[in-house]
Amino acid sequence: MKLTAALLAIVGLVVAGAPVRADILEQVLVKVNGEIITKTELEQRQVAALRQRNPNFRPGDDAELQEALSEVTPRVIVDAVDELLLMQRGKELGYTMSTEQFNGIVENIKKENKIESDQALQDALTQEGMTMADLRRQLERQMLITRVQQTEVMAKLTVADAELKAYYDAHKDEFATIPQVTLREMLFVVPVTAQGVNVAQDDAAKANAEEARKRLVAGEPFARLAADLSDSPSKANGGLVGPIDKSALSPELQTAIAGLKAGDLTPVLHTERGYQVIKVESVTDTTLMPYEEAKSQISEKVAAQKRRGEFVTYLNKLRTEAIIDWKNDEIKKAYDIGLTQPRTEP
């Protein structure tokens, strides 16, 4: 769709945080069951989408703005049509927002945002380029859409026990703990110079590690020896490392501690860091949450999946039954593209 100077002005104002007030000649882009979506409404939705994606977006030129708009417009126009269809359905079902409901929501808005008076709320709305009537229309639209989703989609969902068990069997990794290990380490660093490793220093480090291990086997406390002898920063904590996921350990260390129990020592290990002695403090193996304990979590996951699927089906039904009369070929093309893009709601 070709950009207009008005749209450029709106983008600049909104991204800068200024209220949107622009006099734009209304142009009907599409009629949905006789109700219209105008060019002005689409532009405002485009601006909101750009702002949501990047609050600091400031296009350097028309080409950059055009590219950004081409990315957001398909989803924006689909959402605009879908919202109108849902609102129409809500009205068919007799849903309305009473003055009492509106006033209650406004009071909650004031409370949550620490707005102390009606005038302060009016001032806040003015800064956003809105009136109380605009706010009521937005809130009523949200209420209608939510009520339709609840009564026409969510209230009709059922999840059988067989579905829950099938999900559990297919996704057991989601309910399994990750194997963890807590270690103590002593490190004896071998200095490395531009000429490489000095053999004598390497031998000395290895000998120190062997001697430390002998003292450990003889019963001296690992924490005290680590504090006295280790070159690792972990010496400040008695050589304690973890708990950490086993998968985070190097393959060599995983092999070295394989089969060891709490309290066991590794042999002296030669690593890139020097020479190490490792003690296994504790090991937590993989455990699987029983199905009955996981059932409530699974129910939420499965219900969410079904809700998304049923909502898409419901929207497709509304679209099929609707009379949608396009007045702009480029926007129709964007709409067709948007229909191929995945939804993330409800």
Protein backbone atom coordinates (compact mmCIF):
# COMPACT_ATOMS: atom_id res chain seq x y z
CA MET A 1 0.00 0.00 0.00
CA LYS A 2 1.30 3.43 -0.91
CA LEU A 3 2.33 5.56 2.05
CA THR A 4 0.77 8.92 2.70
CA ALA A 5 2.20 12.00 4.33
CA ALA A 6 -0.51 11.66 6.98
CA LEU A 7 0.66 8.16 7.91
CA LEU A 8 4.26 9.35 8.13
CA ALA A 9 3.11 12.12 10.43
CA ILE A 10 1.14 9.72 12.62
CA VAL A 11 4.09 7.33 12.93
CA GLY A 12 6.39 10.15 13.91
CA LEU A 13 3.99 11.51 16.50
CA VAL A 14 3.08 8.21 18.11
CA VAL A 15 6.61 6.85 18.23
CA ALA A 16 7.70 10.11 19.83
CA GLY A 17 4.94 9.69 22.41
CA ALA A 18 2.80 12.66 21.30
CA PRO A 19 -1.01 12.45 21.05
CA VAL A 20 -2.40 11.42 17.67
CA ARG A 21 -4.65 14.09 16.18
CA ALA A 22 -4.66 14.20 12.41
CA ASP A 23 -7.42 15.18 10.04
CA ILE A 24 -7.45 12.47 7.40
CA LEU A 25 -10.08 12.05 4.73
CA GLU A 26 -11.91 8.80 5.46
CA GLN A 27 -11.40 6.04 2.94
CA VAL A 28 -13.23 2.74 3.31
CA LEU A 29 -10.91 -0.23 2.86
CA VAL A 30 -13.33 -3.06 3.53
CA LYS A 31 -16.92 -3.67 4.57
CA VAL A 32 -17.55 -6.58 6.92
CA ASN A 33 -21.24 -7.45 7.10
CA GLY A 34 -21.93 -3.83 6.26
CA GLU A 35 -19.62 -2.34 8.89
CA ILE A 36 -16.51 -0.55 7.66
CA ILE A 37 -12.81 -0.48 8.41
CA THR A 38 -11.33 2.81 7.29
CA LYS A 39 -7.89 3.83 6.19
CA THR A 40 -7.57 5.95 9.32
CA GLU A 41 -8.30 2.96 11.57
CA LEU A 42 -5.82 0.78 9.73
CA GLU A 43 -3.12 3.45 10.02
CA GLN A 44 -3.72 3.77 13.75
CA ARG A 45 -3.46 -0.01 14.12
CA GLN A 46 -0.28 -0.05 12.05
CA VAL A 47 1.22 2.60 14.31
CA ALA A 48 0.25 0.63 17.42
CA ALA A 49 1.81 -2.53 15.96
CA LEU A 50 5.06 -0.73 15.15
CA ARG A 51 5.11 0.83 18.58
CA GLN A 52 4.53 -2.53 20.27
CA ARG A 53 7.26 -4.19 18.26
CA ASN A 54 9.80 -1.44 18.94
CA PRO A 55 8.85 1.58 21.08
CA ASN A 56 11.98 3.39 19.87
CA PHE A 57 11.35 2.83 16.16
CA ARG A 58 12.18 5.91 14.10
CA PRO A 59 12.31 5.22 10.36
CA GLY A 60 15.22 6.84 8.60
CA ASP A 61 13.33 7.17 5.34
CA ASP A 62 10.18 6.11 3.49
CA ALA A 63 11.78 2.85 2.35
CA GLU A 64 12.52 1.75 5.91
CA LEU A 65 8.99 2.64 7.01
CA GLN A 66 7.51 0.82 4.01
CA GLU A 67 9.45 -2.33 4.89
CA ALA A 68 8.32 -2.20 8.51
CA LEU A 69 4.71 -1.70 7.48
CA SER A 70 4.82 -4.56 5.00
CA GLU A 71 5.82 -6.84 7.90
CA VAL A 72 3.05 -5.79 10.32
CA THR A 73 0.14 -4.99 7.99
CA PRO A 74 -0.96 -8.57 7.12
CA ARG A 75 -1.47 -9.49 10.77
CA VAL A 76 -2.95 -6.07 11.55
CA ILE A 77 -5.67 -6.24 8.90
CA VAL A 78 -6.57 -9.84 9.76
CA ASP A 79 -6.89 -8.88 13.43
CA ALA A 80 -9.03 -5.87 12.52
CA VAL A 81 -11.45 -7.99 10.51
CA ASP A 82 -11.54 -10.76 13.14
CA GLU A 83 -12.22 -8.29 15.96
CA LEU A 84 -15.08 -6.77 13.99
CA LEU A 85 -16.56 -10.23 13.35
CA LEU A 86 -16.28 -11.11 17.05
CA MET A 87 -17.86 -7.82 18.09
CA GLN A 88 -20.73 -8.39 15.67
CA ARG A 89 -21.24 -11.85 17.09
CA GLY A 90 -21.21 -10.44 20.62
CA LYS A 91 -23.92 -7.97 19.71
CA GLU A 92 -25.96 -10.76 18.13
CA LEU A 93 -25.73 -12.62 21.43
CA GLY A 94 -26.97 -9.51 23.25
CA TYR A 95 -23.78 -8.61 25.07
CA THR A 96 -23.38 -4.98 26.09
CA MET A 97 -21.34 -3.03 28.59
CA SER A 98 -23.52 -1.27 31.13
CA THR A 99 -22.61 2.12 32.58
CA GLU A 100 -22.12 0.40 35.94
CA GLN A 101 -19.64 -2.06 34.42
CA PHE A 102 -17.79 0.71 32.63
CA ASN A 103 -17.54 2.82 35.78
CA GLY A 104 -16.25 -0.18 37.73
CA ILE A 105 -13.52 -0.82 35.17
CA VAL A 106 -12.57 2.86 35.14
CA GLU A 107 -12.22 2.82 38.93
CA ASN A 108 -9.92 -0.21 38.67
CA ILE A 109 -7.85 1.57 36.02
CA LYS A 110 -7.52 4.60 38.29
CA LYS A 111 -6.56 2.43 41.25
CA GLU A 112 -3.98 0.33 39.38
CA ASN A 113 -2.37 3.43 37.86
CA LYS A 114 -2.64 5.51 41.06
CA ILE A 115 -4.81 8.11 39.35
CA GLU A 116 -6.57 10.06 42.09
CA SER A 117 -9.37 11.83 40.24
CA ASP A 118 -11.58 11.74 37.16
CA GLN A 119 -9.88 14.90 35.92
CA ALA A 120 -6.45 13.28 36.24
CA LEU A 121 -7.73 10.37 34.17
CA GLN A 122 -9.12 12.77 31.59
CA ASP A 123 -5.73 14.50 31.43
CA ALA A 124 -3.96 11.16 31.00
CA LEU A 125 -6.31 10.19 28.17
CA THR A 126 -5.81 13.55 26.49
CA GLN A 127 -2.06 12.97 26.51
CA GLU A 128 -2.72 9.75 24.58
CA GLY A 129 -5.06 11.50 22.16
CA MET A 130 -8.14 9.80 23.62
CA THR A 131 -11.46 10.76 25.17
CA MET A 132 -13.60 8.91 27.69
CA ALA A 133 -15.84 7.89 24.80
CA ASP A 134 -12.80 6.39 23.04
CA LEU A 135 -11.90 4.51 26.22
CA ARG A 136 -15.43 3.16 26.57
CA ARG A 137 -15.46 1.94 22.97
CA GLN A 138 -12.14 0.16 23.47
CA LEU A 139 -13.23 -1.45 26.73
CA GLU A 140 -16.56 -2.53 25.29
CA ARG A 141 -14.81 -4.04 22.28
CA GLN A 142 -12.49 -6.01 24.57
CA MET A 143 -15.43 -7.16 26.70
CA LEU A 144 -17.48 -8.31 23.71
CA ILE A 145 -14.56 -10.23 22.24
CA THR A 146 -13.72 -11.85 25.57
CA ARG A 147 -17.34 -12.86 26.22
CA VAL A 148 -17.65 -14.40 22.77
CA GLN A 149 -14.43 -16.38 23.25
CA GLN A 150 -15.61 -17.60 26.64
CA THR A 151 -19.12 -18.65 25.61
CA GLU A 152 -18.56 -19.76 22.03
CA VAL A 153 -15.17 -21.43 22.38
CA MET A 154 -13.86 -22.02 25.89
CA ALA A 155 -17.14 -23.10 27.47
CA LYS A 156 -17.53 -25.81 24.86
CA LEU A 157 -14.06 -27.31 25.26
CA THR A 158 -13.72 -30.75 26.83
CA VAL A 159 -10.52 -32.58 27.62
CA ALA A 160 -10.73 -36.34 28.10
CA ASP A 161 -8.47 -38.27 30.46
CA ALA A 162 -7.19 -40.23 27.48
CA GLU A 163 -5.91 -36.99 25.93
CA LEU A 164 -4.11 -36.06 29.12
CA LYS A 165 -2.46 -39.47 29.41
CA ALA A 166 -1.45 -39.39 25.73
CA TYR A 167 0.21 -36.00 26.25
CA TYR A 168 2.03 -37.26 29.34
CA ASP A 169 3.35 -40.32 27.52
CA ALA A 170 4.54 -38.24 24.57
CA HIS A 171 6.16 -35.46 26.65
CA LYS A 172 7.65 -37.19 29.67
CA ASP A 173 10.78 -35.08 29.39
CA GLU A 174 8.67 -32.07 30.46
CA PHE A 175 7.94 -33.76 33.79
CA ALA A 176 11.39 -35.16 34.48
CA THR A 177 14.03 -33.58 36.68
CA ILE A 178 17.43 -32.87 35.18
CA PRO A 179 20.27 -34.96 36.66
CA GLN A 180 22.41 -32.75 38.89
CA VAL A 181 25.61 -33.12 40.77
CA THR A 182 27.39 -31.20 43.52
CA LEU A 183 31.17 -31.46 43.57
CA ARG A 184 34.18 -30.27 45.46
CA GLU A 185 37.34 -29.54 43.52
CA MET A 186 41.00 -28.83 44.12
CA LEU A 187 42.99 -27.35 41.27
CA PHE A 188 46.73 -27.21 40.88
CA VAL A 189 47.52 -24.86 38.03
CA VAL A 190 50.42 -25.47 35.66
CA PRO A 191 51.82 -22.13 34.50
CA VAL A 192 51.91 -21.63 30.74
CA THR A 193 54.37 -19.22 29.15
CA ALA A 194 55.07 -18.17 25.59
CA GLN A 195 57.51 -21.07 25.42
CA GLY A 196 54.84 -23.51 26.57
CA VAL A 197 54.64 -25.64 29.73
CA ASN A 198 57.69 -26.04 31.92
CA VAL A 199 58.16 -29.76 32.56
CA ALA A 200 59.43 -29.26 36.09
CA GLN A 201 56.43 -27.09 37.00
CA ASP A 202 54.08 -29.63 35.46
CA ASP A 203 55.65 -32.41 37.51
CA ALA A 204 55.43 -30.29 40.66
CA ALA A 205 51.73 -29.54 40.14
CA LYS A 206 51.00 -33.22 39.54
CA ALA A 207 52.95 -34.21 42.65
CA ASN A 208 51.03 -31.65 44.74
CA ALA A 209 47.75 -33.03 43.45
CA GLU A 210 48.78 -36.61 44.22
CA GLU A 211 49.85 -35.61 47.72
CA ALA A 212 46.56 -33.76 48.32
CA ARG A 213 44.59 -36.81 47.24
CA LYS A 214 46.56 -39.02 49.64
CA ARG A 215 45.69 -36.68 52.49
CA LEU A 216 42.03 -36.78 51.49
CA VAL A 217 42.04 -40.58 51.44
CA ALA A 218 43.67 -40.46 54.89
CA GLY A 219 40.67 -38.53 56.15
CA GLU A 220 41.58 -34.85 56.06
CA PRO A 221 38.60 -32.56 55.29
CA PHE A 222 38.31 -31.64 51.62
CA ALA A 223 37.02 -28.13 52.40
CA ARG A 224 40.03 -27.29 54.58
CA LEU A 225 42.59 -28.67 52.13
CA ALA A 226 40.89 -26.88 49.21
CA ALA A 227 41.01 -23.61 51.12
CA ASP A 228 44.71 -24.12 51.85
CA LEU A 229 46.00 -25.63 48.61
CA SER A 230 43.65 -25.08 45.65
CA ASP A 231 44.33 -22.54 42.89
CA SER A 232 40.64 -22.38 41.92
CA PRO A 233 38.39 -19.46 42.96
CA SER A 234 36.13 -22.11 44.51
CA LYS A 235 38.68 -22.42 47.34
CA ALA A 236 36.83 -19.57 49.06
CA ASN A 237 33.90 -21.95 49.42
CA GLY A 238 35.89 -25.01 50.36
CA GLY A 239 36.07 -26.09 46.72
CA LEU A 240 32.28 -26.46 46.49
CA VAL A 241 30.83 -26.37 42.96
CA GLY A 242 27.12 -26.78 42.23
CA PRO A 243 24.60 -28.15 42.22
CA ILE A 244 24.92 -28.07 38.43
CA ASP A 245 23.37 -30.03 35.59
CA LYS A 246 25.46 -33.02 34.62
CA SER A 247 25.12 -31.98 31.00
CA ALA A 248 26.96 -28.73 31.80
CA LEU A 249 30.11 -30.65 32.76
CA SER A 250 32.83 -31.32 30.22
CA PRO A 251 32.67 -34.75 28.60
CA GLU A 252 35.94 -35.67 30.31
CA LEU A 253 34.59 -34.78 33.75
CA GLN A 254 31.32 -36.59 33.08
CA THR A 255 33.36 -39.70 32.28
CA ALA A 256 35.56 -39.24 35.37
CA ILE A 257 32.63 -39.13 37.80
CA ALA A 258 30.49 -41.74 36.05
CA GLY A 259 29.53 -44.43 38.54
CA LEU A 260 30.85 -42.52 41.56
CA LYS A 261 28.72 -42.17 44.67
CA ALA A 262 28.53 -39.35 47.17
CA GLY A 263 31.84 -39.19 49.04
CA ASP A 264 33.92 -40.81 46.26
CA LEU A 265 37.05 -39.20 44.85
CA THR A 266 38.28 -39.18 41.28
CA PRO A 267 41.88 -40.02 40.50
CA VAL A 268 44.11 -37.02 39.84
CA LEU A 269 42.83 -35.60 36.55
CA HIS A 270 44.98 -33.86 33.97
CA THR A 271 42.92 -31.10 32.36
CA GLU A 272 43.51 -27.91 30.44
CA ARG A 273 43.46 -26.08 33.76
CA GLY A 274 46.18 -28.20 35.30
CA TYR A 275 45.68 -31.09 37.72
CA GLN A 276 42.45 -31.61 39.61
CA VAL A 277 41.05 -33.80 42.34
CA ILE A 278 37.26 -34.02 42.41
CA LYS A 279 35.00 -35.27 45.17
CA VAL A 280 31.35 -36.10 44.53
CA GLU A 281 29.28 -34.43 47.25
CA SER A 282 25.84 -35.45 46.02
CA VAL A 283 24.13 -36.82 42.91
CA THR A 284 20.50 -36.34 41.90
CA ASP A 285 19.42 -38.67 39.14
CA THR A 286 16.54 -38.17 36.73
CA THR A 287 13.14 -38.56 38.37
CA LEU A 288 9.79 -38.56 36.62
CA MET A 289 6.79 -36.77 38.14
CA PRO A 290 3.96 -39.30 38.47
CA TYR A 291 1.06 -38.82 36.08
CA GLU A 292 -1.43 -37.99 38.83
CA GLU A 293 0.81 -35.19 40.11
CA ALA A 294 1.39 -33.85 36.61
CA LYS A 295 -2.26 -34.08 35.60
CA SER A 296 -3.22 -30.48 36.47
CA GLN A 297 -0.26 -29.10 34.50
CA ILE A 298 -1.10 -31.31 31.55
CA SER A 299 -4.72 -30.26 31.65
CA GLU A 300 -3.73 -26.60 31.31
CA LYS A 301 -1.37 -27.34 28.42
CA VAL A 302 -3.82 -29.51 26.50
CA ALA A 303 -6.69 -27.09 27.09
CA ALA A 304 -4.57 -24.20 25.82
CA GLN A 305 -3.66 -26.13 22.68
CA LYS A 306 -7.28 -27.09 22.02
CA ARG A 307 -8.47 -23.56 22.75
CA ARG A 308 -6.12 -22.12 20.14
CA GLY A 309 -7.19 -24.70 17.60
CA GLU A 310 -10.90 -24.28 18.31
CA PHE A 311 -10.61 -20.50 18.22
CA VAL A 312 -8.99 -20.62 14.78
CA THR A 313 -11.79 -22.94 13.62
CA TYR A 314 -14.38 -20.59 15.08
CA LEU A 315 -12.84 -17.56 13.34
CA ASN A 316 -12.75 -19.43 10.05
CA LYS A 317 -16.45 -20.14 10.45
CA LEU A 318 -17.22 -16.47 11.09
CA ARG A 319 -15.15 -15.44 8.08
CA THR A 320 -16.85 -17.97 5.83
CA GLU A 321 -20.32 -16.84 6.86
CA ALA A 322 -19.48 -13.14 6.63
CA ILE A 323 -19.97 -10.85 3.66
CA ILE A 324 -16.56 -9.22 3.24
CA ASP A 325 -16.44 -6.58 0.54
CA TRP A 326 -12.92 -5.36 -0.24
CA LYS A 327 -12.45 -1.82 -1.54
CA ASN A 328 -8.64 -1.92 -1.78
CA ASP A 329 -6.81 -4.66 -3.67
CA GLU A 330 -3.48 -4.16 -1.88
CA ILE A 331 -5.09 -4.48 1.54
CA LYS A 332 -6.90 -7.60 0.34
CA LYS A 333 -3.53 -9.08 -0.67
CA ALA A 334 -2.11 -8.23 2.76
CA TYR A 335 -5.15 -9.88 4.37
CA ASP A 336 -4.61 -13.08 2.37
CA ILE A 337 -0.97 -13.14 3.50
CA GLY A 338 -2.03 -12.59 7.11
CA LEU A 339 -4.36 -15.58 6.98
CA THR A 340 -1.34 -17.80 6.34
CA GLN A 341 0.50 -16.49 9.40
CA PRO A 342 0.04 -18.28 12.74
CA ARG A 343 -2.06 -16.73 15.50
CA THR A 344 -0.81 -16.48 19.07
CA GLU A 345 -4.21 -15.85 20.67
CA PRO A 346 -6.23 -16.46 22.61
